[in-house]
Protein backbone atom coordinates (compact mmCIF):
# COMPACT_ATOMS: atom_id res chain seq x y z
CA UNK A 1 0.00 0.00 0.00
CA UNK A 2 1.35 3.43 -0.92
CA UNK A 3 2.16 6.02 1.76
CA UNK A 4 -0.66 8.29 0.56
CA UNK A 5 -3.25 5.53 0.67
CA UNK A 6 -2.03 4.42 4.12
CA UNK A 7 -2.36 8.00 5.34
CA UNK A 8 -5.93 8.09 4.06
CA UNK A 9 -6.80 4.74 5.61
CA UNK A 10 -5.57 6.01 8.98
CA UNK A 11 -7.76 9.13 8.76
CA UNK A 12 -11.02 7.57 7.59
CA UNK A 13 -12.18 5.97 10.90
CA UNK A 14 -12.00 9.32 12.73
CA UNK A 15 -14.03 11.06 10.02
CA UNK A 16 -16.61 8.27 9.98
CA UNK A 17 -17.05 8.69 13.73
CA UNK A 18 -17.49 12.46 13.39
CA UNK A 19 -20.06 12.15 10.59
CA UNK A 20 -21.90 9.35 12.39
CA UNK A 21 -22.12 11.45 15.56
CA UNK A 22 -23.60 14.39 13.65
CA UNK A 23 -26.23 12.22 11.98
CA UNK A 24 -27.14 10.17 15.06
CA UNK A 25 -27.05 12.81 17.78
CA UNK A 26 -27.71 16.04 15.91
CA UNK A 27 -29.67 14.95 12.85
CA UNK A 28 -32.66 17.17 13.68
CA UNK A 29 -30.66 20.36 14.19
CA UNK A 30 -31.84 23.03 11.72
CA UNK A 31 -28.96 24.38 9.63
CA UNK A 32 -30.79 26.66 7.22
CA UNK A 33 -34.21 27.62 5.88
CA UNK A 34 -35.12 27.36 2.22
CA UNK A 35 -36.62 30.47 0.66
CA UNK A 36 -38.75 30.65 -2.45
CA UNK A 37 -36.11 32.52 -4.46
CA UNK A 38 -33.61 29.75 -3.71
CA UNK A 39 -35.96 27.10 -5.08
CA UNK A 40 -36.23 29.03 -8.36
CA UNK A 41 -32.74 30.51 -8.21
CA UNK A 42 -30.59 27.43 -8.55
CA UNK A 43 -30.45 26.83 -4.76
CA UNK A 44 -27.85 29.61 -4.54
CA UNK A 45 -26.48 29.94 -1.05
CA UNK A 46 -28.48 26.98 0.26
CA UNK A 47 -26.43 25.18 2.91
CA UNK A 48 -27.04 21.58 1.90
CA UNK A 49 -23.68 20.05 0.97
CA UNK A 50 -20.53 19.19 2.86
CA UNK A 51 -16.85 19.11 1.92
CA UNK A 52 -13.63 19.47 3.85
CA UNK A 53 -11.52 19.84 0.71
CA UNK A 54 -12.02 23.57 0.15
CA UNK A 55 -14.05 26.52 1.38
CA UNK A 56 -14.80 29.82 -0.36
CA UNK A 57 -14.13 32.56 2.18
CA UNK A 58 -15.79 35.85 1.13
CA UNK A 59 -12.83 37.88 2.39
CA UNK A 60 -9.86 35.60 1.73
CA UNK A 61 -10.96 33.64 -1.31
CA UNK A 62 -10.67 29.91 -1.73
CA UNK A 63 -9.07 28.01 1.14
CA UNK A 64 -7.68 24.58 0.39
CA UNK A 65 -7.97 22.50 3.56
CA UNK A 66 -7.92 25.73 5.56
CA UNK A 67 -4.91 27.22 3.78
CA UNK A 68 -5.24 30.38 1.68
CA UNK A 69 -3.72 30.43 -1.79
CA UNK A 70 -0.76 32.59 -0.68
CA UNK A 71 -0.16 30.15 2.19
CA UNK A 72 -0.26 27.18 -0.18
CA UNK A 73 2.22 28.84 -2.54
CA UNK A 74 4.52 29.62 0.37
CA UNK A 75 4.32 26.39 2.37
CA UNK A 76 4.11 23.69 -0.28
CA UNK A 77 7.36 22.05 -1.43
CA UNK A 78 8.51 22.88 -4.95
CA UNK A 79 10.53 21.00 -7.55
CA UNK A 80 14.23 21.92 -7.53
CA UNK A 81 14.65 25.45 -8.88
CA UNK A 82 10.91 25.94 -9.45
CA UNK A 83 8.70 28.88 -8.43
CA UNK A 84 5.47 26.93 -8.14
CA UNK A 85 4.64 23.94 -5.92
CA UNK A 86 4.25 20.35 -7.04
CA UNK A 87 0.76 19.50 -8.28
CA UNK A 88 1.26 16.14 -6.60
CA UNK A 89 1.84 17.92 -3.28
CA UNK A 90 -1.32 19.94 -3.72
CA UNK A 91 -3.29 16.73 -4.29
CA UNK A 92 -1.75 15.29 -1.11
CA UNK A 93 -2.98 18.35 0.78
CA UNK A 94 -6.50 18.11 -0.68
CA UNK A 95 -6.77 14.43 0.13
CA UNK A 96 -5.21 14.38 3.61
CA UNK A 97 -5.47 17.92 4.95
CA UNK A 98 -1.74 17.98 5.67
CA UNK A 99 1.13 19.90 4.08
CA UNK A 100 3.32 17.16 2.58
CA UNK A 101 6.99 16.67 3.18
CA UNK A 102 9.37 16.25 0.26
CA UNK A 103 9.32 12.52 0.98
CA UNK A 104 5.51 12.47 0.88
CA UNK A 105 5.52 14.25 -2.45
CA UNK A 106 8.10 11.95 -3.96
CA UNK A 107 5.91 9.00 -3.05
CA UNK A 108 2.94 10.57 -4.88
CA UNK A 109 5.12 11.54 -7.87
CA UNK A 110 6.24 7.93 -8.18
CA UNK A 111 2.69 6.64 -7.76
CA UNK A 112 1.36 8.94 -10.50
CA UNK A 113 4.27 8.09 -12.77
CA UNK A 114 3.66 4.37 -12.38
CA UNK A 115 0.00 4.76 -13.35
CA UNK A 116 0.31 7.38 -16.10
CA UNK A 117 0.46 5.16 -19.21
CA UNK A 118 -2.67 5.68 -21.30
CA UNK A 119 -3.98 2.55 -23.05
CA UNK A 120 -3.63 2.75 -26.83
CA UNK A 121 -7.35 2.13 -27.34
CA UNK A 122 -8.06 5.56 -25.81
CA UNK A 123 -6.01 7.24 -28.54
CA UNK A 124 -7.79 5.08 -31.14
CA UNK A 125 -11.13 6.37 -29.87
CA UNK A 126 -9.97 9.98 -30.08
CA UNK A 127 -8.54 9.61 -33.56
CA UNK A 128 -11.80 8.02 -34.73
CA UNK A 129 -13.85 11.04 -33.71
CA UNK A 130 -14.69 13.84 -36.17
CA UNK A 131 -11.89 16.36 -36.60
CA UNK A 132 -14.26 19.21 -35.78
CA UNK A 133 -15.31 17.63 -32.46
CA UNK A 134 -15.00 19.99 -29.50
CA UNK A 135 -11.95 19.32 -27.28
CA UNK A 136 -14.26 18.69 -24.33
CA UNK A 137 -16.11 16.05 -26.36
CA UNK A 138 -12.76 14.35 -26.88
CA UNK A 139 -11.84 14.76 -23.22
CA UNK A 140 -15.06 13.22 -21.89
CA UNK A 141 -14.88 10.46 -24.52
CA UNK A 142 -11.38 9.56 -23.35
CA UNK A 143 -12.53 9.46 -19.72
CA UNK A 144 -15.56 7.27 -20.40
CA UNK A 145 -13.53 4.94 -22.64
CA UNK A 146 -11.18 4.40 -19.70
CA UNK A 147 -14.14 3.22 -17.60
CA UNK A 148 -13.40 -0.36 -18.65
CA UNK A 149 -10.36 -0.07 -16.34
CA UNK A 150 -12.58 0.55 -13.30
CA UNK A 151 -11.66 -1.43 -10.19
CA UNK A 152 -14.72 -0.26 -8.29
CA UNK A 153 -17.18 -2.03 -10.60
CA UNK A 154 -15.81 -5.59 -10.17
CA UNK A 155 -15.30 -4.96 -6.45
CA UNK A 156 -18.92 -3.85 -6.08
CA UNK A 157 -20.18 -6.77 -8.15
CA UNK A 158 -18.23 -9.18 -5.95
CA UNK A 159 -20.04 -7.89 -2.85
CA UNK A 160 -17.41 -5.66 -1.28
CA UNK A 161 -18.48 -4.10 2.04
CA UNK A 162 -19.72 -0.53 1.69
CA UNK A 163 -17.19 0.38 4.39
CA UNK A 164 -14.50 -0.44 1.82
CA UNK A 165 -16.00 1.42 -1.17
CA UNK A 166 -13.39 4.13 -0.76
CA UNK A 167 -10.53 1.71 -1.51
CA UNK A 168 -11.27 0.90 -5.20
CA UNK A 169 -12.52 4.49 -5.60
CA UNK A 170 -9.10 5.67 -4.49
CA UNK A 171 -7.42 3.32 -6.96
CA UNK A 172 -9.67 4.45 -9.84
CA UNK A 173 -9.16 8.12 -8.97
CA UNK A 174 -5.36 7.88 -8.85
CA UNK A 175 -5.29 5.84 -12.06
CA UNK A 176 -7.46 8.43 -13.82
CA UNK A 177 -5.65 11.48 -12.44
CA UNK A 178 -2.25 10.14 -13.48
CA UNK A 179 -3.40 9.82 -17.09
CA UNK A 180 -5.13 13.18 -17.53
CA UNK A 181 -2.05 15.28 -18.46
CA UNK A 182 -1.18 12.96 -21.36
CA UNK A 183 -4.81 12.75 -22.49
CA UNK A 184 -5.14 16.54 -22.48
CA UNK A 185 -1.84 17.15 -24.28
CA UNK A 186 -2.70 14.41 -26.81
CA UNK A 187 -6.01 16.14 -27.61
CA UNK A 188 -4.23 19.46 -28.07
CA UNK A 189 -1.65 18.11 -30.48
CA UNK A 190 -4.22 15.92 -32.26
CA UNK A 191 -6.46 18.89 -33.03
CA UNK A 192 -4.00 21.74 -33.40
CA UNK A 193 -0.59 20.24 -34.22
CA UNK A 194 -1.47 17.73 -36.95
CA UNK A 195 -1.33 14.84 -34.50
CA UNK A 196 2.40 15.38 -34.03
CA UNK A 197 2.59 13.84 -30.57
CA UNK A 198 5.29 14.28 -27.94
CA UNK A 199 5.74 11.29 -25.66
CA UNK A 200 5.38 11.45 -21.91
CA UNK A 201 8.51 11.83 -19.77
CA UNK A 202 7.81 9.92 -16.52
CA UNK A 203 10.84 11.53 -14.86
CA UNK A 204 9.05 14.89 -14.81
CA UNK A 205 6.48 16.07 -12.29
CA UNK A 206 2.78 16.47 -13.19
CA UNK A 207 2.98 20.10 -14.37
CA UNK A 208 6.35 19.85 -16.09
CA UNK A 209 5.36 16.70 -17.98
CA UNK A 210 2.19 18.37 -19.22
CA UNK A 211 4.23 21.34 -20.51
CA UNK A 212 6.69 18.91 -22.12
CA UNK A 213 3.93 16.99 -23.94
CA UNK A 214 2.32 20.27 -25.03
CA UNK A 215 5.66 21.20 -26.60
CA UNK A 216 5.97 24.54 -24.77
CA UNK A 217 9.22 25.64 -23.15
CA UNK A 218 9.78 27.00 -19.65
CA UNK A 219 8.33 28.78 -17.80
CA UNK A 220 5.16 27.11 -19.08
CA UNK A 221 5.83 24.30 -16.63
CA UNK A 222 5.45 26.88 -13.85
CA UNK A 223 2.15 28.20 -15.14
CA UNK A 224 0.89 24.63 -15.59
CA UNK A 225 1.55 23.87 -11.92
CA UNK A 226 -0.09 27.13 -10.88
CA UNK A 227 -3.05 26.74 -13.24
CA UNK A 228 -3.88 23.20 -12.11
CA UNK A 229 -3.61 24.17 -8.45
CA UNK A 230 -5.77 27.30 -8.74
CA UNK A 231 -8.51 25.47 -10.65
CA UNK A 232 -8.51 22.33 -8.51
CA UNK A 233 -11.53 22.98 -6.32
CA UNK A 234 -14.12 25.62 -5.45
CA UNK A 235 -16.28 24.15 -2.70
CA UNK A 236 -18.74 21.39 -3.61
CA UNK A 237 -21.64 23.46 -4.95
CA UNK A 238 -20.23 24.56 -8.31
CA UNK A 239 -21.50 22.63 -11.32
CA UNK A 240 -18.51 20.38 -12.01
CA UNK A 241 -17.93 19.51 -8.35
CA UNK A 242 -21.61 19.01 -7.55
CA UNK A 243 -22.23 16.93 -10.67
CA UNK A 244 -19.28 14.65 -9.94
CA UNK A 245 -20.59 14.24 -6.39
CA UNK A 246 -24.21 13.75 -7.49
CA UNK A 247 -23.41 11.03 -10.01
CA UNK A 248 -21.03 9.46 -7.51
CA UNK A 249 -23.82 9.12 -4.93
CA UNK A 250 -25.46 6.64 -7.32
CA UNK A 251 -22.26 4.57 -6.86
CA UNK A 252 -21.16 5.29 -10.40
CA UNK A 253 -17.40 4.80 -10.53
CA UNK A 254 -14.84 7.60 -10.71
CA UNK A 255 -14.74 7.53 -14.51
CA UNK A 256 -18.48 7.98 -15.03
CA UNK A 257 -18.72 10.50 -12.18
CA UNK A 258 -15.83 12.65 -13.39
CA UNK A 259 -16.99 12.51 -17.01
CA UNK A 260 -20.38 13.83 -15.89
CA UNK A 261 -18.67 16.65 -14.03
CA UNK A 262 -16.72 17.55 -17.15
CA UNK A 263 -19.94 17.79 -19.16
CA UNK A 264 -21.07 20.37 -16.62
CA UNK A 265 -17.73 22.19 -16.84
CA UNK A 266 -18.28 22.57 -20.59
CA UNK A 267 -21.11 25.08 -20.11
CA UNK A 268 -20.56 28.78 -20.90
CA UNK A 269 -21.61 29.76 -17.36
CA UNK A 270 -18.88 27.58 -15.85
CA UNK A 271 -15.65 26.44 -17.50
CA UNK A 272 -15.94 28.52 -20.66
CA UNK A 273 -15.89 31.85 -18.81
CA UNK A 274 -12.12 32.40 -19.17
CA UNK A 275 -12.24 32.21 -22.95
CA UNK A 276 -15.23 34.59 -23.02
CA UNK A 277 -13.21 37.15 -21.05
CA UNK A 278 -10.20 36.81 -23.35
CA UNK A 279 -12.39 37.16 -26.43
CA UNK A 280 -13.91 40.34 -24.98
CA UNK A 281 -10.48 41.82 -24.11
CA UNK A 282 -9.26 41.15 -27.63
CA UNK A 283 -12.38 42.90 -28.92
CA UNK A 284 -11.45 45.90 -26.78
CA UNK A 285 -7.98 45.90 -28.34
CA UNK A 286 -9.43 45.90 -31.84
CA UNK A 287 -11.73 48.81 -31.04
CA UNK A 288 -8.70 50.73 -29.82
CA UNK A 289 -6.62 49.82 -32.89
CA UNK A 290 -4.21 47.85 -30.68
CA UNK A 291 -3.05 51.00 -28.93
CA UNK A 292 -2.66 50.90 -25.15
CA UNK A 293 -5.09 53.58 -23.95
CA UNK A 294 -4.51 56.02 -21.13
CA UNK A 295 -6.39 55.55 -17.87
CA UNK A 296 -8.85 58.26 -18.84
CA UNK A 297 -9.49 56.67 -22.23
CA UNK A 298 -10.07 53.30 -20.60
CA UNK A 299 -12.42 54.83 -18.02
CA UNK A 300 -14.50 56.35 -20.81
CA UNK A 301 -14.61 53.03 -22.65
CA UNK A 302 -15.75 51.19 -19.51
CA UNK A 303 -18.46 53.75 -18.77
CA UNK A 304 -19.65 53.63 -22.38
CA UNK A 305 -19.82 49.84 -22.15
CA UNK A 306 -21.83 49.89 -18.92
CA UNK A 307 -24.15 52.67 -20.08
CA UNK A 308 -24.99 50.66 -23.18
CA UNK A 309 -26.33 47.88 -20.95
CA UNK A 310 -23.34 45.55 -21.29
CA UNK A 311 -21.18 44.10 -18.52
CA UNK A 312 -17.42 43.96 -18.00
CA UNK A 313 -16.58 40.22 -18.15
CA UNK A 314 -14.27 38.83 -15.50
CA UNK A 315 -15.34 41.22 -12.76
CA UNK A 316 -17.58 40.30 -9.86
CA UNK A 317 -18.16 37.08 -7.94
CA UNK A 318 -21.22 35.60 -6.24
CA UNK A 319 -19.38 35.09 -2.94
CA UNK A 320 -16.05 36.94 -2.92
CA UNK A 321 -15.91 40.51 -1.64
CA UNK A 322 -12.32 41.25 -2.67
CA UNK A 323 -9.95 40.54 -5.55
CA UNK A 324 -9.93 36.81 -6.25
CA UNK A 325 -6.59 35.49 -4.91
CA UNK A 326 -6.47 33.20 -7.95
CA UNK A 327 -6.45 36.33 -10.09
CA UNK A 328 -3.79 37.92 -7.89
CA UNK A 329 -1.49 34.88 -8.09
CA UNK A 330 -1.66 34.86 -11.90
CA UNK A 331 -1.22 38.63 -12.06
CA UNK A 332 2.00 38.33 -10.06
CA UNK A 333 3.22 35.73 -12.56
CA UNK A 334 2.42 38.09 -15.45
CA UNK A 335 4.14 41.05 -13.82
CA UNK A 336 7.29 38.94 -13.53
CA UNK A 337 7.25 36.99 -16.80
CA UNK A 338 5.21 38.97 -19.35
CA UNK A 339 4.92 42.61 -18.21
CA UNK A 340 5.12 43.90 -21.79
CA UNK A 341 2.48 41.58 -23.23
CA UNK A 342 -0.12 43.68 -25.04
CA UNK A 343 -3.11 41.74 -23.72
CA UNK A 344 -1.79 41.78 -20.16
CA UNK A 345 -1.34 45.55 -20.32
CA UNK A 346 -5.02 45.92 -21.22
CA UNK A 347 -6.09 43.49 -18.49
CA UNK A 348 -3.90 45.25 -15.94
CA UNK A 349 -5.35 48.62 -16.94
CA UNK A 350 -8.87 47.26 -16.53
CA UNK A 351 -7.86 46.08 -13.05
CA UNK A 352 -6.81 49.64 -12.22
CA UNK A 353 -9.97 51.38 -13.42
CA UNK A 354 -12.95 48.99 -13.40
CA UNK A 355 -13.45 48.38 -9.64
CA UNK A 356 -13.82 52.09 -8.81
CA UNK A 357 -16.25 52.55 -11.70
CA UNK A 358 -18.36 49.57 -10.61
CA UNK A 359 -18.44 50.94 -7.06
CA UNK A 360 -19.56 54.32 -8.39
CA UNK A 361 -22.19 52.67 -10.56
CA UNK A 362 -23.48 50.91 -7.44
CA UNK A 363 -24.79 47.70 -8.97
CA UNK A 364 -21.99 45.21 -8.30
CA UNK A 365 -21.74 43.54 -4.89
CA UNK A 366 -18.12 42.71 -5.67
CA UNK A 367 -16.37 45.01 -8.15
CA UNK A 368 -13.11 43.07 -8.12
CA UNK A 369 -11.75 40.75 -10.83
CA UNK A 370 -12.14 36.99 -10.60
CA UNK A 371 -9.88 34.20 -11.85
CA UNK A 372 -11.32 34.28 -15.37
CA UNK A 373 -10.11 37.85 -15.92
CA UNK A 374 -6.50 36.67 -16.04
CA UNK A 375 -6.08 32.98 -16.86
CA UNK A 376 -6.67 33.15 -20.63
CA UNK A 377 -4.08 35.92 -21.02
CA UNK A 378 -1.25 33.67 -19.89
CA UNK A 379 -2.29 30.75 -22.10
CA UNK A 380 -2.46 33.03 -25.13
CA UNK A 381 0.97 34.48 -24.40
CA UNK A 382 2.59 31.04 -24.43
CA UNK A 383 0.98 30.08 -27.71
CA UNK A 384 -2.12 28.23 -26.56
CA UNK A 385 -4.42 30.43 -28.63
CA UNK A 386 -7.18 27.89 -29.18
CA UNK A 387 -10.00 29.06 -26.90
CA UNK A 388 -11.85 25.74 -26.94
CA UNK A 389 -8.93 23.94 -25.32
CA UNK A 390 -8.84 26.09 -22.20
CA UNK A 391 -11.68 24.14 -20.57
CA UNK A 392 -9.75 20.88 -21.00
CA UNK A 393 -6.90 22.30 -18.92
CA UNK A 394 -9.46 23.57 -16.42
CA UNK A 395 -10.78 19.99 -16.26
CA UNK A 396 -7.35 18.51 -15.52
CA UNK A 397 -7.00 20.86 -12.57
CA UNK A 398 -10.56 20.38 -11.36
CA UNK A 399 -10.00 16.60 -11.25
CA UNK A 400 -7.69 17.04 -8.26
CA UNK A 401 -10.48 18.43 -6.11
CA UNK A 402 -13.56 16.57 -7.30
CA UNK A 403 -11.88 13.17 -7.16
CA UNK A 404 -10.55 13.93 -3.66
CA UNK A 405 -14.13 14.72 -2.70
CA UNK A 406 -15.40 11.53 -4.32
CA UNK A 407 -12.95 9.40 -2.35
CA UNK A 408 -14.07 11.02 0.89
CA UNK A 409 -17.75 10.69 -0.09
CA UNK A 410 -17.21 6.94 -0.25
CA UNK A 411 -15.10 6.92 2.92
CA UNK A 412 -17.83 8.49 5.08
CA UNK A 413 -20.74 6.79 3.30
CA UNK A 414 -22.48 9.72 1.63
CA UNK A 415 -26.07 8.79 0.75
CA UNK A 416 -27.75 8.85 -2.65
CA UNK A 417 -28.62 12.49 -3.32
CA UNK A 418 -32.35 12.83 -3.88
CA UNK A 419 -33.92 16.23 -3.12
CA UNK A 420 -37.70 16.57 -2.99
CA UNK A 421 -39.52 18.61 -5.65
CA UNK A 422 -42.74 20.62 -5.22
CA UNK A 423 -45.24 21.65 -7.88
CA UNK A 424 -45.91 25.28 -8.77
CA UNK A 425 -49.42 24.89 -7.30
CA UNK A 426 -47.92 23.79 -4.00
CA UNK A 427 -45.54 26.75 -3.92
CA UNK A 428 -48.33 29.18 -4.78
CA UNK A 429 -50.41 27.76 -1.93
CA UNK A 430 -47.47 28.16 0.47
CA UNK A 431 -47.02 31.75 -0.72
CA UNK A 432 -50.74 32.58 -0.21
CA UNK A 433 -50.75 31.13 3.30
CA UNK A 434 -47.56 33.01 4.19
CA UNK A 435 -49.07 36.32 3.04
CA UNK A 436 -52.24 36.03 5.21
């Protein structure tokens, strides 16, 4: 048994006891009240899920296992000479709640490396698909084709105890995670580089190997590590995380569950947001004849945009009440590595003028930029100019969080998710009685 799996096995009994105590002794405690607007408003803000993997703090941004993004970047071990932490170390943190030692990380690096080989039939499936197929169609097809490798399915069919469901789920999750960088890079080079593939280098860490297979030189390995970490998790209520969890509660294996989550990530209100922001910024550049405007010129442009009834993409967040730390981390990278990039200069100028304008306008609860305002800029700078591929990279990062959650769902015995629906007549009756 690997060190990471042993660590998990040691932690599970304590968590089972905590969850069991809450259900048995406090099961009738009221946590929240459902309001009518939440029923019709996508259950926004409804406290009805649980995860220990991450928490979205309105003032500090996403916390991974209690650690802020700056703390993660500072405390997590890094590859020799690197700026950004190991992706493998970040996964260790998400799964165990502990900052890994260098020895811990090396164990995970070796475990991922030993499971990273993608079966040839997966590439056959991808090459058989239409050339115009969306990269996310290819990504989800690769994941579901790998489902034949599931260890959970035969274990379940053999009558494994539900107390042990987490074990084959762990194995499936690690097997899948280890293969995602090669699958993603293969899709990129299949669609955009005439299928000129670059083989995996198992001696490299997760982020560096992805950059290698993409065919992009340093410091793209640094941004790959950062990108995967920043996009790994965002509480359990976002579409990709919740969908993975929801499908997993039916005891679908990690492959089916994660593929479902990736279908949710493919929506324009979720994983496609970063490309929409980049497209809008490039439209701004065209309107300005690719001249970097002054602050006053940019302020006028922003006001004209808002007064015409349009929004400024990439600004605002449903929960955050400050600049998204994921944005800030990427901005620091840009200031160091691409300060003269034309697109970054526009994005940075927007950062300097938009928040004050949104505050003055008075409509935005949070006038600060979110992660999507920055991430596409970096990808474009390093030559990944194909918008449709950005969500695939998002998916590789998101796998770290949603599969960690899935393992823990099985460890503590999460039930089949089955909310109760009401008819419109019933809700109208409730509303009439409440107004008497």
